[in-house]
Amino acid sequence: MNKGKYVFAQLMSLAHPDEFDHCVEKYNGHYLIRNFSCWHQFLSLSFGQLTHR
């Protein structure tokens, strides 16, 4: 049984949401977003990339 963090959670702890939000604001990344935030899209794309999907 797992007693610690999953590998994906450990990797994503290196990417700080505050720094990510700063970059999103700097480059106007929230332009025309409806439901899926930039942070959640980043997590989804990272998971897909790490699992070769």
N, C-alpha and C. Protein backbone atom coordinates (compact mmCIF):
# COMPACT_ATOMS: atom_id res chain seq x y z
N MET A 1 0.84 -1.18 0.00
CA MET A 1 0.00 0.00 0.00
C MET A 1 0.88 1.24 0.00
N ASN A 2 0.43 2.26 -0.71
CA ASN A 2 1.18 3.51 -0.81
C ASN A 2 1.07 4.29 0.48
N LYS A 3 2.22 4.69 1.02
CA LYS A 3 2.22 5.47 2.26
C LYS A 3 2.70 6.90 2.06
N GLY A 4 3.10 7.23 0.82
CA GLY A 4 3.59 8.57 0.54
C GLY A 4 2.84 9.17 -0.63
N LYS A 5 3.45 10.18 -1.24
CA LYS A 5 2.85 10.82 -2.40
C LYS A 5 3.11 9.98 -3.65
N TYR A 6 2.20 10.06 -4.59
CA TYR A 6 2.40 9.44 -5.89
C TYR A 6 3.50 10.19 -6.65
N VAL A 7 4.09 9.53 -7.63
CA VAL A 7 5.19 10.12 -8.40
C VAL A 7 4.73 11.39 -9.10
N PHE A 8 3.54 11.38 -9.68
CA PHE A 8 3.04 12.56 -10.37
C PHE A 8 2.90 13.73 -9.40
N ALA A 9 2.41 13.48 -8.20
CA ALA A 9 2.26 14.55 -7.21
C ALA A 9 3.62 15.09 -6.79
N GLN A 10 4.62 14.22 -6.71
CA GLN A 10 5.96 14.68 -6.35
C GLN A 10 6.54 15.56 -7.45
N LEU A 11 6.32 15.19 -8.71
CA LEU A 11 6.82 16.00 -9.82
C LEU A 11 6.10 17.34 -9.90
N MET A 12 4.80 17.34 -9.69
CA MET A 12 4.04 18.58 -9.79
C MET A 12 4.28 19.49 -8.60
N SER A 13 4.83 18.97 -7.51
CA SER A 13 5.17 19.84 -6.39
C SER A 13 6.35 20.74 -6.73
N LEU A 14 7.10 20.39 -7.78
CA LEU A 14 8.21 21.23 -8.23
C LEU A 14 7.72 22.45 -9.01
N ALA A 15 6.54 22.34 -9.61
CA ALA A 15 5.95 23.46 -10.35
C ALA A 15 5.01 24.21 -9.39
N HIS A 16 5.41 25.39 -8.99
CA HIS A 16 4.62 26.16 -8.03
C HIS A 16 3.46 26.87 -8.73
N PRO A 17 2.25 26.70 -8.23
CA PRO A 17 1.09 27.34 -8.86
C PRO A 17 1.19 28.88 -8.90
N ASP A 18 1.83 29.48 -7.92
CA ASP A 18 1.95 30.94 -7.91
C ASP A 18 2.84 31.43 -9.06
N GLU A 19 3.95 30.75 -9.28
CA GLU A 19 4.83 31.12 -10.39
C GLU A 19 4.14 30.86 -11.73
N PHE A 20 3.40 29.76 -11.79
CA PHE A 20 2.66 29.45 -13.02
C PHE A 20 1.62 30.53 -13.29
N ASP A 21 0.88 30.94 -12.27
CA ASP A 21 -0.13 31.99 -12.43
C ASP A 21 0.51 33.31 -12.86
N HIS A 22 1.70 33.59 -12.35
CA HIS A 22 2.41 34.81 -12.75
C HIS A 22 2.71 34.78 -14.25
N CYS A 23 3.17 33.63 -14.75
CA CYS A 23 3.46 33.51 -16.19
C CYS A 23 2.19 33.60 -17.02
N VAL A 24 1.12 33.01 -16.52
CA VAL A 24 -0.16 33.07 -17.24
C VAL A 24 -0.64 34.51 -17.35
N GLU A 25 -0.54 35.26 -16.26
CA GLU A 25 -0.95 36.67 -16.29
C GLU A 25 -0.03 37.49 -17.18
N LYS A 26 1.24 37.20 -17.16
CA LYS A 26 2.20 37.96 -17.95
C LYS A 26 1.93 37.82 -19.45
N TYR A 27 1.58 36.61 -19.88
CA TYR A 27 1.36 36.35 -21.31
C TYR A 27 -0.12 36.27 -21.68
N ASN A 28 -1.00 36.73 -20.77
CA ASN A 28 -2.44 36.78 -21.02
C ASN A 28 -3.00 35.41 -21.39
N GLY A 29 -2.64 34.41 -20.61
CA GLY A 29 -3.05 33.04 -20.88
C GLY A 29 -4.50 32.74 -20.57
N HIS A 30 -5.14 33.57 -19.76
CA HIS A 30 -6.54 33.34 -19.40
C HIS A 30 -7.51 33.96 -20.41
N TYR A 31 -6.99 34.36 -21.56
CA TYR A 31 -7.82 34.99 -22.57
C TYR A 31 -8.81 33.98 -23.13
N LEU A 32 -10.09 34.27 -23.04
CA LEU A 32 -11.20 33.46 -23.56
C LEU A 32 -11.29 32.06 -22.94
N ILE A 33 -11.01 31.93 -21.66
CA ILE A 33 -11.18 30.64 -20.97
C ILE A 33 -12.63 30.52 -20.52
N ARG A 34 -13.18 29.34 -20.68
CA ARG A 34 -14.56 29.13 -20.26
C ARG A 34 -14.63 28.33 -18.97
N ASN A 35 -14.20 27.07 -18.98
CA ASN A 35 -14.37 26.22 -17.81
C ASN A 35 -13.06 25.67 -17.25
N PHE A 36 -12.13 25.31 -18.10
CA PHE A 36 -10.92 24.60 -17.70
C PHE A 36 -9.80 25.61 -17.47
N SER A 37 -9.32 25.73 -16.23
CA SER A 37 -8.29 26.72 -15.94
C SER A 37 -6.95 26.32 -16.56
N CYS A 38 -6.06 27.27 -16.66
CA CYS A 38 -4.74 27.00 -17.23
C CYS A 38 -3.97 26.00 -16.37
N TRP A 39 -4.11 26.11 -15.06
CA TRP A 39 -3.40 25.18 -14.16
C TRP A 39 -3.90 23.76 -14.36
N HIS A 40 -5.20 23.55 -14.46
CA HIS A 40 -5.75 22.21 -14.67
C HIS A 40 -5.38 21.67 -16.05
N GLN A 41 -5.33 22.53 -17.04
CA GLN A 41 -4.91 22.09 -18.36
C GLN A 41 -3.44 21.69 -18.34
N PHE A 42 -2.61 22.45 -17.63
CA PHE A 42 -1.20 22.11 -17.49
C PHE A 42 -1.03 20.74 -16.82
N LEU A 43 -1.80 20.50 -15.76
CA LEU A 43 -1.72 19.20 -15.08
C LEU A 43 -2.15 18.06 -16.00
N SER A 44 -3.21 18.26 -16.76
CA SER A 44 -3.69 17.24 -17.69
C SER A 44 -2.67 16.94 -18.78
N LEU A 45 -2.10 17.99 -19.37
CA LEU A 45 -1.12 17.79 -20.43
C LEU A 45 0.16 17.17 -19.89
N SER A 46 0.56 17.54 -18.67
CA SER A 46 1.75 16.95 -18.06
C SER A 46 1.54 15.47 -17.79
N PHE A 47 0.37 15.11 -17.29
CA PHE A 47 0.08 13.70 -17.03
C PHE A 47 0.10 12.90 -18.32
N GLY A 48 -0.50 13.43 -19.36
CA GLY A 48 -0.50 12.76 -20.67
C GLY A 48 0.91 12.59 -21.22
N GLN A 49 1.73 13.62 -21.06
CA GLN A 49 3.10 13.56 -21.56
C GLN A 49 3.91 12.51 -20.78
N LEU A 50 3.74 12.48 -19.47
CA LEU A 50 4.50 11.55 -18.64
C LEU A 50 4.07 10.09 -18.84
N THR A 51 2.82 9.89 -19.24
CA THR A 51 2.32 8.52 -19.43
C THR A 51 2.34 8.11 -20.91
N HIS A 52 2.95 8.93 -21.76
CA HIS A 52 3.10 8.64 -23.19
C HIS A 52 1.75 8.45 -23.88
N ARG A 53 0.80 9.32 -23.60
CA ARG A 53 -0.51 9.23 -24.24
C ARG A 53 -0.75 10.36 -25.18
